[in-house]
Protein backbone atom coordinates (compact mmCIF):
# COMPACT_ATOMS: atom_id res chain seq x y z
CA MET A 1 -65.17 84.61 105.08
CA GLU A 2 -67.63 82.61 103.00
CA ILE A 3 -68.07 85.44 100.72
CA LEU A 4 -64.31 85.55 100.29
CA ASP A 5 -63.53 82.08 99.40
CA ASN A 6 -66.43 81.66 97.21
CA LEU A 7 -64.76 84.59 95.20
CA GLN A 8 -61.68 83.17 95.37
CA ARG A 9 -62.87 79.94 94.36
CA ILE A 10 -64.31 81.42 91.11
CA LEU A 11 -61.48 83.87 90.24
CA GLU A 12 -59.02 80.80 90.26
CA GLN A 13 -61.69 79.05 88.32
CA TYR A 14 -61.67 81.42 85.40
CA LEU A 15 -58.03 82.39 85.66
CA SER A 16 -56.69 78.68 85.40
CA ASN A 17 -58.83 78.51 81.74
CA PRO A 18 -55.37 79.91 79.37
CA TYR A 19 -57.72 81.75 76.90
CA ILE A 20 -59.29 83.94 79.63
CA LEU A 21 -56.12 84.40 81.20
CA ALA A 22 -54.66 85.87 77.65
CA LEU A 23 -57.59 88.00 77.04
CA THR A 24 -57.21 89.74 80.41
CA LYS A 25 -53.77 89.86 79.87
CA LEU A 26 -54.31 91.33 76.52
CA VAL A 27 -57.17 93.76 77.97
CA ILE A 28 -54.51 95.27 80.38
CA ILE A 29 -51.81 96.14 78.23
CA LEU A 30 -53.76 97.83 76.11
CA TYR A 31 -55.67 100.02 78.57
CA SER A 32 -51.94 100.50 79.72
CA CYS A 33 -50.74 101.59 76.21
CA LEU A 34 -53.92 102.80 74.94
CA VAL A 35 -56.20 103.96 77.28
CA ALA A 36 -54.59 105.58 80.49
CA PRO A 37 -52.52 107.94 78.52
CA SER A 38 -55.62 109.97 76.92
CA LEU A 39 -57.83 109.27 80.20
CA PRO A 40 -60.17 112.38 80.91
CA VAL A 41 -59.56 114.43 83.87
CA GLU A 42 -62.94 113.33 85.89
CA ILE A 43 -62.00 109.43 85.65
CA LEU A 44 -58.32 110.19 86.66
CA GLY A 45 -59.75 112.24 89.38
CA ILE A 46 -60.89 108.92 90.75
CA PHE A 47 -57.03 107.70 90.63
CA ASP A 48 -56.35 110.39 93.34
CA ASN A 49 -58.35 109.23 96.11
CA VAL A 50 -56.22 107.09 98.21
CA ILE A 51 -59.10 104.27 98.55
CA VAL A 52 -58.84 103.53 95.00
CA LYS A 53 -55.22 103.44 95.17
CA ILE A 54 -55.56 100.81 98.21
CA LEU A 55 -57.74 99.01 96.24
CA VAL A 56 -55.90 98.72 93.03
CA LEU A 57 -52.69 97.90 94.97
CA THR A 58 -54.67 95.26 96.90
CA LEU A 59 -55.47 93.59 93.36
CA ILE A 60 -52.24 94.06 92.05
CA PHE A 61 -50.99 91.86 95.57
CA TYR A 62 -53.71 89.40 95.38
CA SER A 63 -53.17 88.77 91.81
CA ALA A 64 -49.67 87.84 92.04
CA SER A 65 -50.38 84.75 94.35
CA ILE A 66 -52.84 83.41 91.12
CA GLU A 67 -50.58 84.52 88.40
CA PRO A 68 -47.66 86.86 89.01
CA MET A 69 -47.34 88.15 85.01
CA MET A 70 -50.69 89.71 85.24
CA SER A 71 -49.93 91.68 88.34
CA ILE A 72 -47.09 93.24 86.90
CA LEU A 73 -48.98 94.13 83.91
CA LEU A 74 -51.66 95.82 86.52
CA GLY A 75 -48.91 97.35 88.44
CA VAL A 76 -47.69 99.18 84.95
CA GLY A 77 -51.45 99.94 84.28
CA LEU A 78 -51.45 101.55 87.55
CA PHE A 79 -48.29 103.47 87.01
CA VAL A 80 -49.10 105.05 83.28
CA THR A 81 -52.67 106.04 84.85
CA LEU A 82 -50.74 107.92 88.26
CA GLN A 83 -48.11 109.36 85.79
CA THR A 84 -50.82 110.37 83.63
CA LEU A 85 -52.41 112.10 86.77
CA ASN A 86 -49.59 113.84 87.31
CA ASN A 87 -49.07 115.60 84.29
CA VAL A 88 -52.50 117.23 84.08
CA LYS A 89 -51.70 118.22 87.91
CA LEU A 90 -48.39 119.68 86.53
CA LEU A 91 -50.00 121.00 83.59
CA ASN A 92 -52.70 122.83 85.49
CA LEU A 93 -50.64 124.37 88.23
CA VAL A 94 -48.59 125.82 85.40
CA ASN A 95 -51.53 127.15 83.42
CA ASP A 96 -52.37 128.64 87.09
CA GLN A 97 -48.98 130.07 87.26
CA ILE A 98 -49.36 131.80 83.74
CA GLU A 99 -52.80 133.27 84.20
CA GLY A 100 -51.60 134.95 87.13
CA LEU A 101 -48.42 136.56 85.35
CA GLU A 102 -50.77 137.81 83.08
CA THR A 103 -53.15 139.19 85.19
CA GLU A 104 -49.77 140.60 87.25
CA GLU A 105 -48.72 142.33 83.29
CA GLU A 106 -51.95 144.09 82.93
CA THR A 107 -52.16 146.08 86.50
CA PRO A 108 -49.87 149.67 86.37
CA ALA A 109 -46.85 149.05 88.06
CA ASN A 110 -46.98 152.06 90.33
CA GLU A 111 -50.53 150.79 91.16
CA VAL A 112 -51.16 147.88 93.81
CA PRO A 113 -54.05 145.71 92.71
CA GLN A 114 -57.21 145.80 94.05
CA THR A 115 -58.37 142.82 95.72
CA GLU A 116 -61.06 141.47 98.16
CA GLN A 117 -60.03 140.75 101.12
CA GLU A 118 -61.63 138.46 104.15
CA GLY A 119 -61.52 139.84 107.51
CA CYS A 120 -61.90 143.11 109.46
CA TYR A 121 -60.11 145.47 107.47
CA PRO A 122 -60.87 146.18 103.73
CA ALA A 123 -58.53 146.42 101.04
CA VAL A 124 -56.38 149.52 100.98
CA THR A 125 -55.05 151.02 97.75
CA ILE A 126 -52.14 152.83 97.67
CA THR A 127 -51.10 155.52 95.19
CA GLU A 128 -47.40 156.69 94.16
CA GLU A 129 -48.37 160.16 95.99
CA ASP A 130 -50.31 158.68 99.23
CA ASN A 131 -46.60 156.49 99.35
CA ASN A 132 -44.47 159.89 98.68
CA GLU A 133 -46.31 161.20 102.21
CA LEU A 134 -45.62 158.46 104.35
CA LYS A 135 -43.36 159.66 107.18
CA SER A 136 -42.28 158.22 109.92
CA TYR A 137 -42.05 159.91 113.50
CA ASP A 138 -38.52 160.72 113.31
CA GLY A 139 -38.61 162.16 109.70
CA GLU A 140 -37.79 159.43 107.86
CA ASP A 141 -38.59 159.24 104.41
CA PHE A 142 -40.49 155.83 103.50
CA SER A 143 -40.86 156.42 99.88
CA LYS A 144 -38.24 154.61 98.73
CA PHE A 145 -39.77 151.30 99.81
């Protein structure tokens, strides 16, 4: 507990200085406006971790007791960062879907694409000729399926 008391005393000492407080608010505003929307994917991946989100929210809640305006700015910075992370995830998902559609267009319509499957049974490719030969025991024709 002594470490937390010392940390709290140091933070209150620095944040009681109006110049340091104004500089801290300016840095948070610049981060929210300029840096957060253009963060690299590697750094955005850090904010995808639940522990990091909890630590940042704890910092926001703690700063609310010292300076409410700074906690609001930190919340806006976190929101912009998480919004950028969600946009990157959405763009990756859309790109994966588009690549999947492009690979489906490259395969002929009458042929089933060969895929490697894990498990006991090997992958089977059925052509149109094989499909025409499929009959049930009762003589029903399955070639229409």
